[in-house]
C-alpha atoms as a PDB file:
ATOM      1  CA  LEU A   1    -161.214  67.823  71.652  1.00  0.00           C
ATOM      2  CA  LEU A   2    -158.046  69.265  73.082  1.00  0.00           C
ATOM      3  CA  ALA A   3    -157.404  66.136  75.151  1.00  0.00           C
ATOM      4  CA  ALA A   4    -157.474  64.094  71.929  1.00  0.00           C
ATOM      5  CA  ARG A   5    -154.630  66.235  70.509  1.00  0.00           C
ATOM      6  CA  ASP A   6    -152.718  66.853  73.704  1.00  0.00           C
ATOM      7  CA  SER A   7    -152.935  64.489  76.654  1.00  0.00           C
ATOM      8  CA  SER A   8    -150.474  66.365  78.844  1.00  0.00           C
ATOM      9  CA  PRO A   9    -151.165  66.407  82.575  1.00  0.00           C
ATOM     10  CA  LEU A  10    -152.171  70.107  82.478  1.00  0.00           C
ATOM     11  CA  VAL A  11    -154.702  69.529  79.722  1.00  0.00           C
ATOM     12  CA  ARG A  12    -156.050  66.573  81.646  1.00  0.00           C
ATOM     13  CA  LEU A  13    -156.234  68.689  84.828  1.00  0.00           C
ATOM     14  CA  ASN A  14    -158.392  71.239  82.997  1.00  0.00           C
ATOM     15  CA  ARG A  15    -160.581  68.433  81.659  1.00  0.00           C
ATOM     16  CA  ILE A  16    -161.129  67.252  85.244  1.00  0.00           C
ATOM     17  CA  VAL A  17    -162.543  70.672  86.166  1.00  0.00           C
ATOM     18  CA  ALA A  18    -165.158  70.255  83.424  1.00  0.00           C
ATOM     19  CA  LEU A  19    -165.785  66.620  84.373  1.00  0.00           C
ATOM     20  CA  ALA A  20    -166.436  67.558  87.992  1.00  0.00           C
ATOM     21  CA  HIS A  21    -169.002  70.137  86.908  1.00  0.00           C
ATOM     22  CA  VAL A  22    -170.836  67.552  84.812  1.00  0.00           C
ATOM     23  CA  ALA A  23    -170.350  64.300  86.698  1.00  0.00           C
ATOM     24  CA  GLY A  24    -169.764  65.585  90.249  1.00  0.00           C
ATOM     25  CA  PRO A  25    -166.821  65.979  92.620  1.00  0.00           C
ATOM     26  CA  ASP A  26    -166.342  62.248  93.239  1.00  0.00           C
ATOM     27  CA  ALA A  27    -165.780  61.627  89.534  1.00  0.00           C
ATOM     28  CA  GLY A  28    -163.391  64.543  89.454  1.00  0.00           C
ATOM     29  CA  LEU A  29    -161.450  63.209  92.443  1.00  0.00           C
ATOM     30  CA  GLN A  30    -161.196  59.792  90.888  1.00  0.00           C
ATOM     31  CA  GLU A  31    -159.662  61.234  87.717  1.00  0.00           C
ATOM     32  CA  LEU A  32    -157.506  63.656  89.675  1.00  0.00           C
ATOM     33  CA  ASP A  33    -155.900  60.754  91.511  1.00  0.00           C
ATOM     34  CA  THR A  34    -154.576  59.455  88.217  1.00  0.00           C
ATOM     35  CA  LEU A  35    -152.491  62.625  87.833  1.00  0.00           C
ATOM     36  CA  GLU A  36    -150.952  62.588  91.298  1.00  0.00           C
ATOM     37  CA  SER A  37    -147.549  61.243  90.263  1.00  0.00           C
ATOM     38  CA  ALA A  38    -147.281  63.771  87.390  1.00  0.00           C
ATOM     39  CA  LEU A  39    -148.553  66.832  89.294  1.00  0.00           C
ATOM     40  CA  VAL A  40    -147.811  66.179  92.979  1.00  0.00           C
ATOM     41  CA  ASP A  41    -145.543  69.246  93.060  1.00  0.00           C
ATOM     42  CA  TYR A  42    -148.007  71.518  91.225  1.00  0.00           C
ATOM     43  CA  HIS A  43    -150.011  73.780  93.478  1.00  0.00           C
ATOM     44  CA  LEU A  44    -153.124  73.787  91.302  1.00  0.00           C
ATOM     45  CA  TRP A  45    -153.405  69.996  91.531  1.00  0.00           C
ATOM     46  CA  HIS A  46    -153.664  70.369  95.309  1.00  0.00           C
ATOM     47  CA  ALA A  47    -155.971  73.411  95.054  1.00  0.00           C
ATOM     48  CA  LEU A  48    -158.378  71.534  92.773  1.00  0.00           C
ATOM     49  CA  ARG A  49    -158.224  68.504  95.076  1.00  0.00           C
ATOM     50  CA  ALA A  50    -159.108  70.730  98.025  1.00  0.00           C
ATOM     51  CA  HIS A  51    -162.024  72.259  96.116  1.00  0.00           C
ATOM     52  CA  LEU A  52    -163.450  68.860  95.182  1.00  0.00           C
ATOM     53  CA  LEU A  53    -162.868  67.395  98.660  1.00  0.00           C
ATOM     54  CA  ARG A  54    -164.683  70.359 100.178  1.00  0.00           C
ATOM     55  CA  GLN A  55    -167.639  69.729  97.864  1.00  0.00           C
ATOM     56  CA  THR A  56    -167.899  66.178  99.195  1.00  0.00           C
ATOM     57  CA  GLY A  57    -167.872  67.364 102.797  1.00  0.00           C
ATOM     58  CA  ARG A  58    -164.318  66.246 103.532  1.00  0.00           C
ATOM     59  CA  GLY A  59    -163.180  69.506 105.102  1.00  0.00           C
ATOM     60  CA  ALA A  60    -160.119  68.273 107.001  1.00  0.00           C
ATOM     61  CA  GLU A  61    -158.701  66.624 103.900  1.00  0.00           C
ATOM     62  CA  ALA A  62    -159.512  69.732 101.891  1.00  0.00           C
ATOM     63  CA  ASP A  63    -157.670  71.920 104.357  1.00  0.00           C
ATOM     64  CA  ALA A  64    -154.606  69.647 104.161  1.00  0.00           C
ATOM     65  CA  ALA A  65    -154.674  69.835 100.365  1.00  0.00           C
ATOM     66  CA  ASP A  66    -155.013  73.632 100.489  1.00  0.00           C
ATOM     67  CA  LEU A  67    -152.103  73.886 102.897  1.00  0.00           C
ATOM     68  CA  ARG A  68    -149.972  71.868 100.490  1.00  0.00           C
ATOM     69  CA  ALA A  69    -151.031  74.179  97.639  1.00  0.00           C
ATOM     70  CA  LEU A  70    -150.090  77.114  99.810  1.00  0.00           C
ATOM     71  CA  GLU A  71    -146.628  75.665 100.369  1.00  0.00           C
ATOM     72  CA  LEU A  72    -146.082  75.139  96.646  1.00  0.00           C
ATOM     73  CA  THR A  73    -147.094  78.557  95.251  1.00  0.00           C
ATOM     74  CA  ALA A  74    -144.979  81.652  95.343  1.00  0.00           C
ATOM     75  CA  ASN A  75    -147.786  83.826  93.948  1.00  0.00           C
ATOM     76  CA  ARG A  76    -148.970  86.106  96.740  1.00  0.00           C
ATOM     77  CA  ALA A  77    -152.492  86.493  95.313  1.00  0.00           C
ATOM     78  CA  GLU A  78    -152.874  82.704  95.215  1.00  0.00           C
ATOM     79  CA  GLN A  79    -151.444  82.469  98.737  1.00  0.00           C
ATOM     80  CA  ARG A  80    -154.047  84.931 100.045  1.00  0.00           C
ATOM     81  CA  LEU A  81    -156.877  83.122  98.281  1.00  0.00           C
ATOM     82  CA  VAL A  82    -155.856  79.685  99.591  1.00  0.00           C
ATOM     83  CA  ALA A  83    -155.150  80.947 103.095  1.00  0.00           C
ATOM     84  CA  ALA A  84    -158.581  82.582 103.268  1.00  0.00           C
ATOM     85  CA  ARG A  85    -160.226  79.379 102.103  1.00  0.00           C
ATOM     86  CA  VAL A  86    -158.529  77.370 104.864  1.00  0.00           C
ATOM     87  CA  ARG A  87    -159.541  79.921 107.501  1.00  0.00           C
ATOM     88  CA  ARG A  88    -163.177  80.117 106.377  1.00  0.00           C
ATOM     89  CA  PRO A  89    -165.286  77.879 108.661  1.00  0.00           C
ATOM     90  CA  SER A  90    -168.169  77.814 106.159  1.00  0.00           C
ATOM     91  CA  ALA A  91    -165.866  76.207 103.607  1.00  0.00           C
ATOM     92  CA  ARG A  92    -165.658  73.085 105.729  1.00  0.00           C
END
């Protein structure tokens, strides 16, 4: 419903989270790619990409996306979370 009223990239990003839960990470990644030009400098675009890539078993790509998210955020709590995810071998 919100996407019908507001099709901003951030609303669409949130919709992709829901889509991935329902249709799977590949569907989420496909939709996420459509937002790359609008959100390439937004850390949560990269963090979501990393999460979905990790779910598909693409650990090296997920780590690269997480490292980009880490570069883009100034929030220390987010930095710790993302850094821990990259270091965690079980996440790969």
